[in-house]
Amino acid sequence: MTQLDPEASSLPRQWIKRVAVVLVILVVTLGGWRGFRQWQVGRLVKEAHELVQRGDYRNAMLTLQRALHIRPTSPEVARGMAELTDKLQMPFSVDWRRSVVDLNPGSADDALAWAAASLKFRQPHSAEQALAAVPIDGRKNAGYETAVGVTALSEGNEGEAEKHFARAVELAPKNELCQYNLATIRIQSPDAKLRAEAVAVLERLAQGGPAVVFARRALINGFVHEKKLDEALRWSAELLGAEGAAFRDRLTYLDLLKELKKPELAGALAEAQQAAPKESPADVGALVNWMRFDGHPAEALQWVQRLDPKLAGHPQVAMARAECLIALGDWPGLQALVEKSKWGTLEYARWAYLARAMRGADNTSGFQAMWSQAVQSATTREQFGQLAWMATRWGWKQELRKVLAEASNHPLSDWARQMLHQLYLSEGDTNGLLNVAERAVQADPKNAAARNNVAMLSLLLKRNRDKALETARDLYQKAPENPTFASTYAFALHQAGRAPEGLAVLQKLPAATLREPSVAAYYALLLSATGAGPEAEPYFELASKAPLLPEEKALLQNVAPKK
């Protein structure tokens, strides 16, 4: 057997030791570098938090951006960005909350924070996604039930909201905010016993604690709803003395004094005029608008003139002044107010008011140019919504259509598409309705109602019939009890030359459903197409009460029995 030379074997061993040492150094160095970067990110996040506490939002943003550059996948940095953008009232907060959950899946707290941000910025679909991201073991608590309840409430489902608020109270019976949520639903219940119980809960909460201001507001609203204005006024006066009361609570107090014709109104208004300049420009603007609604726009303008010029020229105050000038029909005054100023984030509104001044002065070309500029200046849901409200209030149908069409191209614009749908429906504009429905499907391909609309409207306009039939069949097979889907599928079969099959689809619906005017129209059409004319007559009568499109009216007129 060959024996190894001890001298020859020592060299590899030395190199092995050296390599091992180098590897250890590399591992320690890399681990230390990662640790240093993690420490650095943590320090920056802490520094940003302290800057936010001091109100230095600009440097807080810069600090977080540095941290984001070092570690873009850090949930702590994303959480910091979410908190900062929320503090700045920026809708981007929702996207950052979503990022936190993506980077830190399984965290119930982060998912609930995402849901809360979504609800704050009126994004119920995002809130539903956030709640779906809450792990199963994180759902058996009052926080989750409250979030689900608030989401249901934001969608107008008060029954579902009440159910979840009740569960929250069961899970946290001593939590006053949970008690408050349930009581605010039940105080308007048709059940007198539930209303009385809700009032008792709110009156207890109104004596003190974290929900005192909210409870007093809920009592005021509840008593106003029941037309017990004296009780509402008593609680309104109580609310003004509570810590945390807002300036808008003063306006509620003024409303009640005015409604009850109380002599204290003049003194309360004077107190509000003294308090408003100490609060914020938004409060000054709100008081100007209150005086305008009270029928005193000229007095409101005179009061503003006595304020600090910088405050009087603030965009939020200037908007209220503009409304007073519109109420007075002072078009030169309105133009002078808005023409040479700058309103920052409210610039879109300045252009709109300038358009109103031009319209009032019969300057058609100037009016059209200014309104186009207003629409181009809008970038957010709130801004488009404000322009739509202005156009509606001023009776500008063409301009309303323009702003809604532009808004519907932006994310989170369901409201614009819904308003356009109603507008086109009232005008019998089937092409416009189809365009809106197609945009809705582009925004959400799983939107069954929008898909059905595309199918039905395409059939009425005789476009893409094969695709429409395919869509209608798919929707009907998934929900055969839905009368709208059944009507579309039946009509699609009729246009494909298969009227008896279409009639069979409708005849599976309950008799009461067939008598609903919008369904009766298609049932009458299919009955006539299959030779059951006499049987169709009462359904033609019912169909006459439905809001039909021109194409639908033409279809029925062609087959309806002659009188």
Protein backbone atom coordinates (compact mmCIF):
# COMPACT_ATOMS: atom_id res chain seq x y z
CA MET A 1 0.00 0.00 0.00
CA THR A 2 1.31 3.47 -0.89
CA GLN A 3 1.97 5.74 2.11
CA LEU A 4 1.22 9.48 1.94
CA ASP A 5 4.12 11.85 2.30
CA PRO A 6 3.46 13.93 5.45
CA GLU A 7 5.17 16.97 3.87
CA ALA A 8 3.14 16.67 0.68
CA SER A 9 -0.16 16.40 2.54
CA SER A 10 0.44 19.46 4.76
CA LEU A 11 0.05 21.99 1.93
CA PRO A 12 -3.56 21.14 1.05
CA ARG A 13 -4.46 21.18 4.73
CA GLN A 14 -3.07 24.68 5.14
CA TRP A 15 -5.05 25.92 2.13
CA ILE A 16 -8.17 24.21 3.40
CA LYS A 17 -7.80 26.06 6.70
CA ARG A 18 -7.21 29.35 4.94
CA VAL A 19 -10.24 28.87 2.68
CA ALA A 20 -12.35 27.95 5.68
CA VAL A 21 -11.26 31.12 7.47
CA VAL A 22 -12.06 33.23 4.41
CA LEU A 23 -15.50 31.62 4.12
CA VAL A 24 -16.22 32.30 7.77
CA ILE A 25 -15.17 35.94 7.32
CA LEU A 26 -17.40 36.25 4.22
CA VAL A 27 -20.38 34.75 6.03
CA VAL A 28 -19.90 37.02 9.02
CA THR A 29 -19.30 40.06 6.81
CA LEU A 30 -22.36 39.43 4.64
CA GLY A 31 -24.51 38.69 7.67
CA GLY A 32 -23.21 41.80 9.32
CA TRP A 33 -23.90 43.87 6.20
CA ARG A 34 -27.46 42.57 6.04
CA GLY A 35 -27.84 43.27 9.72
CA PHE A 36 -26.44 46.77 9.26
CA ARG A 37 -28.85 47.48 6.38
CA GLN A 38 -31.75 46.16 8.46
CA TRP A 39 -30.66 48.33 11.39
CA GLN A 40 -30.33 51.32 9.06
CA VAL A 41 -33.84 50.81 7.68
CA GLY A 42 -35.25 50.47 11.19
CA ARG A 43 -33.52 53.68 12.24
CA LEU A 44 -34.89 55.57 9.22
CA VAL A 45 -38.43 54.31 9.86
CA LYS A 46 -38.18 55.42 13.49
CA GLU A 47 -36.81 58.80 12.41
CA ALA A 48 -39.67 59.22 9.92
CA HIS A 49 -42.19 58.41 12.66
CA GLU A 50 -40.71 61.12 14.88
CA LEU A 51 -40.83 63.61 11.99
CA VAL A 52 -44.51 62.82 11.46
CA GLN A 53 -45.14 63.41 15.15
CA ARG A 54 -43.57 66.86 14.78
CA GLY A 55 -45.63 67.58 11.66
CA ASP A 56 -42.61 67.61 9.34
CA TYR A 57 -44.27 65.54 6.63
CA ARG A 58 -41.91 66.55 3.83
CA ASN A 59 -38.78 65.27 5.54
CA ALA A 60 -40.67 62.23 6.80
CA MET A 61 -41.48 61.35 3.19
CA LEU A 62 -37.85 61.87 2.11
CA THR A 63 -36.62 59.69 4.98
CA LEU A 64 -39.00 56.86 4.10
CA GLN A 65 -38.00 57.09 0.45
CA ARG A 66 -34.36 56.58 1.51
CA ALA A 67 -35.39 53.53 3.52
CA LEU A 68 -37.42 52.26 0.56
CA HIS A 69 -34.35 52.58 -1.69
CA ILE A 70 -32.26 50.51 0.76
CA ARG A 71 -34.88 47.81 1.27
CA PRO A 72 -37.86 48.02 -1.10
CA THR A 73 -39.42 44.83 0.25
CA SER A 74 -39.54 45.94 3.87
CA PRO A 75 -43.02 45.70 5.39
CA GLU A 76 -41.95 48.23 8.05
CA VAL A 77 -41.17 50.84 5.37
CA ALA A 78 -44.42 50.14 3.52
CA ARG A 79 -46.29 50.47 6.81
CA GLY A 80 -44.58 53.79 7.46
CA MET A 81 -45.55 55.03 3.99
CA ALA A 82 -49.13 53.91 4.61
CA GLU A 83 -49.32 55.80 7.90
CA LEU A 84 -47.80 58.95 6.39
CA THR A 85 -50.04 59.01 3.32
CA ASP A 86 -53.03 58.36 5.57
CA LYS A 87 -52.01 61.32 7.71
CA LEU A 88 -51.83 63.44 4.56
CA GLN A 89 -55.32 62.24 3.52
CA MET A 90 -53.91 60.67 0.35
CA PRO A 91 -55.79 57.72 -1.22
CA PHE A 92 -52.39 56.11 -1.97
CA SER A 93 -52.56 54.97 1.65
CA VAL A 94 -54.80 52.12 0.48
CA ASP A 95 -52.16 50.88 -1.98
CA TRP A 96 -49.46 51.00 0.69
CA ARG A 97 -51.65 49.05 3.11
CA ARG A 98 -52.16 46.45 0.39
CA SER A 99 -48.37 46.29 -0.08
CA VAL A 100 -47.87 45.69 3.64
CA VAL A 101 -50.19 42.69 3.47
CA ASP A 102 -48.43 41.38 0.34
CA LEU A 103 -45.07 41.67 2.13
CA ASN A 104 -46.36 40.35 5.44
CA PRO A 105 -49.11 37.82 4.61
CA GLY A 106 -50.98 36.25 7.46
CA SER A 107 -51.07 39.39 9.60
CA ALA A 108 -54.62 40.06 10.74
CA ASP A 109 -53.72 43.53 12.04
CA ASP A 110 -52.24 44.62 8.70
CA ALA A 111 -55.20 43.24 6.74
CA LEU A 112 -57.64 45.07 9.02
CA ALA A 113 -55.61 48.27 8.65
CA TRP A 114 -55.91 47.85 4.86
CA ALA A 115 -59.68 47.41 5.23
CA ALA A 116 -59.91 50.53 7.42
CA ALA A 117 -57.97 52.62 4.88
CA SER A 118 -60.17 51.33 2.05
CA LEU A 119 -63.31 52.34 3.91
CA LYS A 120 -61.87 55.74 4.80
CA PHE A 121 -61.21 56.50 1.14
CA ARG A 122 -64.53 54.96 0.03
CA GLN A 123 -63.19 51.89 -1.72
CA PRO A 124 -65.56 49.11 -0.56
CA HIS A 125 -64.28 46.58 -3.13
CA SER A 126 -60.76 47.01 -1.77
CA ALA A 127 -62.13 46.63 1.77
CA GLU A 128 -63.69 43.30 0.79
CA GLN A 129 -60.33 42.12 -0.59
CA ALA A 130 -58.63 43.18 2.64
CA LEU A 131 -61.13 41.31 4.80
CA ALA A 132 -60.69 38.22 2.65
CA ALA A 133 -56.95 38.42 3.43
CA VAL A 134 -57.56 38.20 7.19
CA PRO A 135 -56.54 34.68 8.28
CA ILE A 136 -59.31 32.45 9.64
CA ASP A 137 -57.88 32.50 13.15
CA GLY A 138 -57.85 36.30 13.05
CA ARG A 139 -61.57 36.67 12.37
CA LYS A 140 -63.02 35.70 15.73
CA ASN A 141 -62.72 39.13 17.27
CA ALA A 142 -64.63 42.39 17.52
CA GLY A 143 -62.23 44.26 15.23
CA TYR A 144 -62.91 41.94 12.31
CA GLU A 145 -66.69 41.93 12.84
CA THR A 146 -66.68 45.73 13.07
CA ALA A 147 -64.74 46.06 9.82
CA VAL A 148 -67.14 43.70 8.04
CA GLY A 149 -70.08 45.66 9.44
CA VAL A 150 -68.71 49.01 8.31
CA THR A 151 -68.03 47.55 4.84
CA ALA A 152 -71.63 46.34 4.62
CA LEU A 153 -72.86 49.75 5.77
CA SER A 154 -70.78 51.51 3.11
CA GLU A 155 -72.58 49.38 0.51
CA GLY A 156 -75.99 50.31 1.92
CA ASN A 157 -76.65 46.91 3.52
CA GLU A 158 -77.81 47.98 6.98
CA GLY A 159 -79.22 44.56 7.86
CA GLU A 160 -75.87 42.86 7.29
CA ALA A 161 -74.09 45.66 9.15
CA GLU A 162 -76.36 45.27 12.18
CA LYS A 163 -75.68 41.53 12.26
CA HIS A 164 -71.91 42.01 12.38
CA PHE A 165 -72.06 44.91 14.85
CA ALA A 166 -74.15 42.68 17.14
CA ARG A 167 -71.49 39.96 16.92
CA ALA A 168 -68.82 42.53 17.76
CA VAL A 169 -70.74 43.46 20.93
CA GLU A 170 -71.03 39.77 21.84
CA LEU A 171 -67.27 39.33 21.44
CA ALA A 172 -66.38 42.56 23.26
CA PRO A 173 -69.37 43.47 25.47
CA LYS A 174 -67.46 46.21 27.33
CA ASN A 175 -66.14 47.93 24.21
CA GLU A 176 -68.00 51.24 24.01
CA LEU A 177 -67.23 51.83 20.34
CA CYS A 178 -68.79 48.47 19.47
CA GLN A 179 -71.86 49.40 21.52
CA TYR A 180 -72.00 52.73 19.70
CA ASN A 181 -71.88 51.12 16.23
CA LEU A 182 -74.79 48.81 17.02
CA ALA A 183 -76.83 51.59 18.64
CA THR A 184 -76.44 53.92 15.63
CA ILE A 185 -78.04 51.26 13.43
CA ARG A 186 -80.84 50.41 15.84
CA ILE A 187 -81.81 53.97 16.74
CA GLN A 188 -83.53 54.19 13.33
CA SER A 189 -85.09 50.72 13.54
CA PRO A 190 -88.84 50.38 12.87
CA ASP A 191 -88.93 48.28 16.05
CA ALA A 192 -89.84 50.67 18.91
CA LYS A 193 -88.21 48.42 21.51
CA LEU A 194 -84.89 48.32 19.65
CA ARG A 195 -85.03 52.10 19.19
CA ALA A 196 -85.60 52.64 22.90
CA GLU A 197 -82.72 50.32 23.78
CA ALA A 198 -80.44 52.14 21.33
CA VAL A 199 -81.35 55.53 22.82
CA ALA A 200 -80.59 54.22 26.31
CA VAL A 201 -77.17 52.95 25.19
CA LEU A 202 -76.30 56.21 23.45
CA GLU A 203 -77.44 58.33 26.39
CA ARG A 204 -75.16 56.30 28.65
CA LEU A 205 -72.24 56.63 26.23
CA ALA A 206 -72.96 60.36 25.87
CA GLN A 207 -72.11 60.94 29.54
CA GLY A 208 -68.40 60.31 29.01
CA GLY A 209 -65.78 57.98 27.58
CA PRO A 210 -64.22 57.51 24.14
CA ALA A 211 -67.55 57.60 22.29
CA VAL A 212 -69.07 60.66 23.96
CA VAL A 213 -68.94 62.96 20.90
CA PHE A 214 -70.08 60.23 18.51
CA ALA A 215 -72.92 59.20 20.84
CA ARG A 216 -74.24 62.75 21.13
CA ARG A 217 -74.17 63.17 17.36
CA ALA A 218 -76.03 59.89 16.93
CA LEU A 219 -78.68 61.01 19.44
CA ILE A 220 -79.12 64.28 17.57
CA ASN A 221 -79.55 62.45 14.26
CA GLY A 222 -81.93 59.95 15.84
CA PHE A 223 -84.17 62.60 17.36
CA VAL A 224 -84.15 64.61 14.12
CA HIS A 225 -85.22 61.45 12.29
CA GLU A 226 -88.12 61.07 14.74
CA LYS A 227 -88.87 64.81 14.42
CA LYS A 228 -88.19 65.33 18.13
CA LEU A 229 -86.35 68.57 17.46
CA ASP A 230 -86.45 69.89 21.03
CA GLU A 231 -84.61 66.78 22.22
CA ALA A 232 -82.17 67.09 19.31
CA LEU A 233 -81.51 70.73 20.25
CA ARG A 234 -80.86 69.79 23.88
CA TRP A 235 -78.23 67.24 22.86
CA SER A 236 -76.78 69.63 20.30
CA ALA A 237 -76.17 72.19 23.04
CA GLU A 238 -74.59 69.45 25.16
CA LEU A 239 -72.34 68.46 22.28
CA LEU A 240 -70.95 71.98 21.84
CA GLY A 241 -69.50 71.80 25.33
CA ALA A 242 -67.80 68.43 24.80
CA GLU A 243 -64.09 68.05 24.18
CA GLY A 244 -63.62 66.97 20.58
CA ALA A 245 -66.69 68.75 19.21
CA ALA A 246 -66.10 70.08 15.70
CA PHE A 247 -67.14 73.32 14.06
CA ARG A 248 -69.72 71.45 12.00
CA ASP A 249 -71.51 70.70 15.29
CA ARG A 250 -72.06 74.45 15.61
CA LEU A 251 -73.73 74.44 12.20
CA THR A 252 -76.03 71.62 13.31
CA TYR A 253 -76.93 73.73 16.36
CA LEU A 254 -77.69 76.70 14.08
CA ASP A 255 -79.86 74.48 11.86
CA LEU A 256 -81.94 73.35 14.84
CA LEU A 257 -82.31 76.87 16.23
CA LYS A 258 -83.48 78.05 12.82
CA GLU A 259 -85.92 75.15 12.38
CA LEU A 260 -87.43 75.76 15.82
CA LYS A 261 -87.45 79.56 15.27
CA LYS A 262 -85.52 80.15 18.49
CA PRO A 263 -84.54 83.75 19.38
CA GLU A 264 -81.06 82.51 20.34
CA LEU A 265 -80.20 82.06 16.66
CA ALA A 266 -78.73 85.56 16.16
CA GLY A 267 -76.43 85.20 19.16
CA ALA A 268 -75.35 81.68 18.17
CA LEU A 269 -74.55 82.90 14.65
CA ALA A 270 -72.42 85.74 16.06
CA GLU A 271 -70.54 83.24 18.24
CA ALA A 272 -69.96 81.02 15.20
CA GLN A 273 -68.61 84.01 13.25
CA GLN A 274 -66.15 84.70 16.06
CA ALA A 275 -65.09 81.06 16.31
CA ALA A 276 -64.73 80.20 12.60
CA PRO A 277 -61.60 82.28 11.81
CA LYS A 278 -59.84 80.64 14.75
CA GLU A 279 -60.51 77.16 13.38
CA SER A 280 -59.72 76.67 9.69
CA PRO A 281 -60.50 78.06 6.20
CA ALA A 282 -62.78 75.07 5.67
CA ASP A 283 -64.87 76.14 8.67
CA VAL A 284 -65.06 79.73 7.43
CA GLY A 285 -66.22 78.44 4.06
CA ALA A 286 -68.79 76.18 5.73
CA LEU A 287 -70.23 79.12 7.68
CA VAL A 288 -70.40 81.26 4.52
CA ASN A 289 -72.34 78.47 2.84
CA TRP A 290 -74.65 78.16 5.86
CA MET A 291 -75.46 81.87 5.65
CA ARG A 292 -76.10 81.51 1.92
CA PHE A 293 -78.48 78.58 2.49
CA ASP A 294 -80.18 80.73 5.14
CA GLY A 295 -80.94 83.21 2.39
CA HIS A 296 -78.29 85.81 3.22
CA PRO A 297 -75.52 85.55 0.58
CA ALA A 298 -74.88 89.32 0.56
CA GLU A 299 -74.44 89.38 4.36
CA ALA A 300 -72.07 86.42 4.12
CA LEU A 301 -69.91 88.30 1.59
CA GLN A 302 -69.88 91.38 3.80
CA TRP A 303 -68.74 89.31 6.79
CA VAL A 304 -65.90 87.72 4.79
CA GLN A 305 -64.71 91.16 3.71
CA ARG A 306 -64.02 91.96 7.38
CA LEU A 307 -61.71 88.95 7.77
CA ASP A 308 -57.97 88.80 7.18
CA PRO A 309 -57.47 89.11 3.37
CA LYS A 310 -55.26 86.01 3.33
CA LEU A 311 -58.00 83.97 4.98
CA ALA A 312 -60.72 85.49 2.77
CA GLY A 313 -58.69 84.56 -0.33
CA HIS A 314 -58.05 80.96 0.72
CA PRO A 315 -59.47 78.58 -1.94
CA GLN A 316 -61.92 76.93 0.46
CA VAL A 317 -63.29 80.33 1.44
CA ALA A 318 -63.18 81.60 -2.14
CA MET A 319 -65.35 78.66 -3.26
CA ALA A 320 -68.01 79.63 -0.73
CA ARG A 321 -67.78 83.26 -1.85
CA ALA A 322 -68.21 82.13 -5.45
CA GLU A 323 -71.43 80.33 -4.53
CA CYS A 324 -72.74 83.52 -2.92
CA LEU A 325 -71.97 85.50 -6.07
CA ILE A 326 -73.78 82.88 -8.17
CA ALA A 327 -76.79 83.15 -5.86
CA LEU A 328 -76.76 86.91 -6.42
CA GLY A 329 -76.23 86.57 -10.19
CA ASP A 330 -73.12 88.77 -9.95
CA TRP A 331 -71.20 87.42 -12.98
CA PRO A 332 -68.61 90.25 -13.19
CA GLY A 333 -67.94 89.84 -9.46
CA LEU A 334 -67.56 86.07 -9.86
CA GLN A 335 -65.16 86.47 -12.77
CA ALA A 336 -63.09 89.03 -10.85
CA LEU A 337 -62.89 86.68 -7.83
CA VAL A 338 -61.62 83.62 -9.68
CA GLU A 339 -59.92 84.92 -12.84
CA LYS A 340 -56.42 85.81 -11.61
CA SER A 341 -56.12 83.68 -8.46
CA LYS A 342 -54.57 80.23 -7.95
CA TRP A 343 -56.35 77.55 -5.95
CA GLY A 344 -53.77 74.76 -5.80
CA THR A 345 -55.48 71.37 -5.56
CA LEU A 346 -58.83 73.13 -6.11
CA GLU A 347 -57.74 74.62 -9.42
CA TYR A 348 -60.28 72.45 -11.27
CA ALA A 349 -63.06 74.17 -9.29
CA ARG A 350 -61.68 77.62 -10.10
CA TRP A 351 -61.93 76.84 -13.82
CA ALA A 352 -65.49 75.57 -13.29
CA TYR A 353 -66.53 78.78 -11.54
CA LEU A 354 -64.90 80.79 -14.30
CA ALA A 355 -66.98 78.78 -16.80
CA ARG A 356 -70.08 79.63 -14.76
CA ALA A 357 -69.22 83.32 -14.92
CA MET A 358 -68.73 83.12 -18.69
CA ARG A 359 -72.03 81.26 -19.13
CA GLY A 360 -73.82 83.84 -17.01
CA ALA A 361 -72.37 86.60 -19.19
CA ASP A 362 -73.42 84.76 -22.40
CA ASN A 363 -69.79 84.22 -23.43
CA THR A 364 -70.32 80.83 -25.10
CA SER A 365 -66.81 80.26 -26.47
CA GLY A 366 -65.20 81.33 -23.20
CA PHE A 367 -67.56 79.13 -21.23
CA GLN A 368 -66.74 76.03 -23.30
CA ALA A 369 -62.99 76.65 -23.06
CA MET A 370 -63.13 77.13 -19.29
CA TRP A 371 -65.22 73.99 -18.70
CA SER A 372 -62.83 71.93 -20.83
CA GLN A 373 -59.97 73.26 -18.72
CA ALA A 374 -61.85 72.31 -15.55
CA VAL A 375 -62.33 68.72 -16.74
CA GLN A 376 -58.68 68.46 -17.82
CA SER A 377 -57.54 69.74 -14.43
CA ALA A 378 -59.44 67.06 -12.48
CA THR A 379 -57.43 63.98 -11.53
CA THR A 380 -59.18 62.30 -8.58
CA ARG A 381 -62.52 60.68 -7.91
CA GLU A 382 -63.46 63.53 -5.56
CA GLN A 383 -62.60 66.21 -8.11
CA PHE A 384 -64.58 64.56 -10.91
CA GLY A 385 -67.44 64.06 -8.47
CA GLN A 386 -67.41 67.74 -7.54
CA LEU A 387 -67.51 68.77 -11.22
CA ALA A 388 -70.37 66.34 -11.86
CA TRP A 389 -72.28 67.81 -8.92
CA MET A 390 -71.69 71.36 -10.23
CA ALA A 391 -72.87 70.48 -13.74
CA THR A 392 -75.98 68.75 -12.33
CA ARG A 393 -76.82 71.67 -10.05
CA TRP A 394 -76.39 74.18 -12.86
CA GLY A 395 -78.48 72.11 -15.29
CA TRP A 396 -75.62 71.51 -17.74
CA LYS A 397 -76.46 68.13 -19.30
CA GLN A 398 -73.84 68.16 -22.06
CA GLU A 399 -71.14 69.24 -19.63
CA LEU A 400 -72.22 66.57 -17.14
CA ARG A 401 -71.89 63.93 -19.86
CA LYS A 402 -68.41 65.22 -20.69
CA VAL A 403 -67.09 65.05 -17.14
CA LEU A 404 -68.64 61.61 -16.52
CA ALA A 405 -67.17 60.23 -19.75
CA GLU A 406 -63.73 61.46 -18.69
CA ALA A 407 -64.12 60.20 -15.12
CA SER A 408 -65.18 56.74 -16.31
CA ASN A 409 -61.71 56.29 -17.84
CA HIS A 410 -60.08 56.53 -14.42
CA PRO A 411 -59.67 53.82 -11.76
CA LEU A 412 -62.35 53.49 -9.06
CA SER A 413 -64.91 55.23 -11.27
CA ASP A 414 -67.94 52.96 -10.80
CA TRP A 415 -69.94 55.98 -9.64
CA ALA A 416 -69.25 57.79 -12.95
CA ARG A 417 -70.30 54.80 -15.01
CA GLN A 418 -73.47 54.44 -12.93
CA MET A 419 -74.33 58.12 -13.40
CA LEU A 420 -73.65 57.86 -17.14
CA HIS A 421 -75.84 54.77 -17.27
CA GLN A 422 -78.72 56.65 -15.63
CA LEU A 423 -78.17 59.66 -17.88
CA TYR A 424 -78.18 57.60 -21.08
CA LEU A 425 -81.15 55.56 -19.83
CA SER A 426 -83.20 58.70 -19.21
CA GLU A 427 -82.36 59.88 -22.73
CA GLY A 428 -82.97 56.50 -24.39
CA ASP A 429 -79.40 56.46 -25.73
CA THR A 430 -78.77 52.75 -26.33
CA ASN A 431 -75.37 53.32 -27.95
CA GLY A 432 -74.25 55.33 -24.95
CA LEU A 433 -75.47 52.61 -22.58
CA LEU A 434 -73.51 49.96 -24.50
CA ASN A 435 -70.36 52.08 -24.34
CA VAL A 436 -70.72 52.42 -20.56
CA ALA A 437 -71.36 48.69 -20.12
CA GLU A 438 -68.29 47.80 -22.20
CA ARG A 439 -66.14 50.09 -20.05
CA ALA A 440 -67.49 48.45 -16.92
CA VAL A 441 -66.54 45.01 -18.25
CA GLN A 442 -63.06 46.27 -19.15
CA ALA A 443 -62.66 47.52 -15.57
CA ASP A 444 -63.98 44.26 -14.07
CA PRO A 445 -64.34 41.29 -16.48
CA LYS A 446 -66.18 39.33 -13.75
CA ASN A 447 -68.93 41.95 -13.36
CA ALA A 448 -71.97 39.84 -14.21
CA ALA A 449 -74.43 42.75 -14.41
CA ALA A 450 -72.18 44.64 -16.83
CA ARG A 451 -71.62 41.55 -18.96
CA ASN A 452 -75.38 41.04 -19.15
CA ASN A 453 -75.86 44.67 -20.17
CA VAL A 454 -73.31 44.30 -22.97
CA ALA A 455 -75.09 41.19 -24.22
CA MET A 456 -78.60 42.67 -24.13
CA LEU A 457 -77.64 46.04 -25.61
CA SER A 458 -75.64 44.33 -28.36
CA LEU A 459 -78.70 42.25 -29.22
CA LEU A 460 -80.93 45.33 -29.34
CA LEU A 461 -78.43 47.09 -31.61
CA LYS A 462 -77.93 43.89 -33.67
CA ARG A 463 -74.19 43.71 -33.02
CA ASN A 464 -72.01 40.70 -32.15
CA ARG A 465 -75.05 38.45 -31.75
CA ASP A 466 -73.08 35.21 -31.49
CA LYS A 467 -70.91 36.61 -28.69
CA ALA A 468 -73.99 38.03 -26.97
CA LEU A 469 -75.71 34.62 -27.09
CA GLU A 470 -72.61 32.96 -25.62
CA THR A 471 -72.42 35.50 -22.77
CA ALA A 472 -76.16 35.29 -22.06
CA ARG A 473 -76.01 31.47 -21.95
CA ASP A 474 -73.07 31.53 -19.53
CA LEU A 475 -74.73 34.01 -17.15
CA TYR A 476 -78.07 32.17 -17.23
CA GLN A 477 -76.49 28.79 -16.51
CA LYS A 478 -74.76 30.23 -13.45
CA ALA A 479 -77.88 32.00 -12.13
CA PRO A 480 -81.05 30.66 -13.84
CA GLU A 481 -83.25 32.23 -11.14
CA ASN A 482 -82.08 35.75 -12.09
CA PRO A 483 -84.94 37.26 -14.16
CA THR A 484 -82.67 39.79 -15.88
CA PHE A 485 -80.27 37.09 -17.07
CA ALA A 486 -83.19 34.87 -18.07
CA SER A 487 -84.74 37.68 -20.15
CA THR A 488 -81.45 38.34 -21.94
CA TYR A 489 -80.89 34.66 -22.70
CA ALA A 490 -84.49 34.21 -23.90
CA PHE A 491 -84.15 37.22 -26.20
CA ALA A 492 -80.79 35.95 -27.51
CA LEU A 493 -82.40 32.60 -28.35
CA HIS A 494 -85.27 34.40 -30.07
CA GLN A 495 -82.85 36.40 -32.26
CA ALA A 496 -81.06 33.16 -33.11
CA GLY A 497 -84.33 31.73 -34.47
CA ARG A 498 -85.01 29.59 -31.38
CA ALA A 499 -88.01 31.40 -29.88
CA PRO A 500 -89.64 28.27 -28.35
CA GLU A 501 -86.46 27.59 -26.36
CA GLY A 502 -86.42 31.21 -25.23
CA LEU A 503 -90.04 31.01 -24.10
CA ALA A 504 -89.26 27.83 -22.13
CA VAL A 505 -86.49 29.72 -20.29
CA LEU A 506 -88.90 32.46 -19.19
CA GLN A 507 -91.65 30.03 -18.22
CA LYS A 508 -89.36 28.58 -15.55
CA LEU A 509 -89.57 31.90 -13.67
CA PRO A 510 -92.25 32.40 -10.97
CA ALA A 511 -95.58 33.79 -12.22
CA ALA A 512 -95.15 36.94 -10.10
CA THR A 513 -91.77 37.62 -11.69
CA LEU A 514 -93.24 37.35 -15.18
CA ARG A 515 -95.62 40.16 -14.26
CA GLU A 516 -92.81 42.58 -13.47
CA PRO A 517 -92.97 45.18 -16.30
CA SER A 518 -89.37 44.77 -17.52
CA VAL A 519 -89.71 40.96 -17.63
CA ALA A 520 -93.25 41.08 -18.99
CA ALA A 521 -91.99 42.95 -22.06
CA TYR A 522 -89.83 40.02 -23.14
CA TYR A 523 -92.39 37.44 -22.09
CA ALA A 524 -94.97 39.18 -24.30
CA LEU A 525 -92.47 39.28 -27.17
CA LEU A 526 -91.67 35.56 -26.90
CA LEU A 527 -95.33 34.56 -26.52
CA SER A 528 -96.18 36.48 -29.70
CA ALA A 529 -93.21 34.98 -31.55
CA THR A 530 -94.44 31.47 -30.74
CA GLY A 531 -98.05 32.09 -31.78
CA ALA A 532 -99.57 32.65 -28.33
CA GLY A 533 -100.85 36.14 -29.15
CA PRO A 534 -104.02 36.18 -26.99
CA GLU A 535 -102.06 34.94 -23.99
CA ALA A 536 -99.55 37.75 -24.51
CA GLU A 537 -102.06 40.63 -24.32
CA PRO A 538 -102.00 41.23 -20.52
CA TYR A 539 -98.20 41.18 -20.60
CA PHE A 540 -98.13 43.86 -23.30
CA GLU A 541 -100.20 45.99 -20.92
CA LEU A 542 -97.72 45.38 -18.09
CA ALA A 543 -94.77 46.11 -20.39
CA SER A 544 -96.17 49.57 -21.12
CA LYS A 545 -95.26 50.54 -17.54
CA ALA A 546 -91.58 49.63 -17.98
CA PRO A 547 -88.88 52.24 -18.81
CA LEU A 548 -88.09 50.78 -22.24
CA LEU A 549 -85.39 51.80 -24.70
CA PRO A 550 -86.39 52.93 -28.21
CA GLU A 551 -85.33 49.59 -29.71
CA GLU A 552 -87.41 47.69 -27.13
CA LYS A 553 -90.45 49.86 -27.84
CA ALA A 554 -90.05 49.23 -31.57
CA LEU A 555 -89.87 45.46 -31.03
CA LEU A 556 -93.09 45.44 -29.02
CA GLN A 557 -94.93 47.77 -31.37
CA ASN A 558 -94.21 45.41 -34.26
CA VAL A 559 -95.89 42.45 -32.56
CA ALA A 560 -98.39 44.03 -30.14
CA PRO A 561 -102.08 43.46 -30.90
CA LYS A 562 -103.72 46.37 -32.67
CA LYS A 563 -106.29 48.23 -30.62
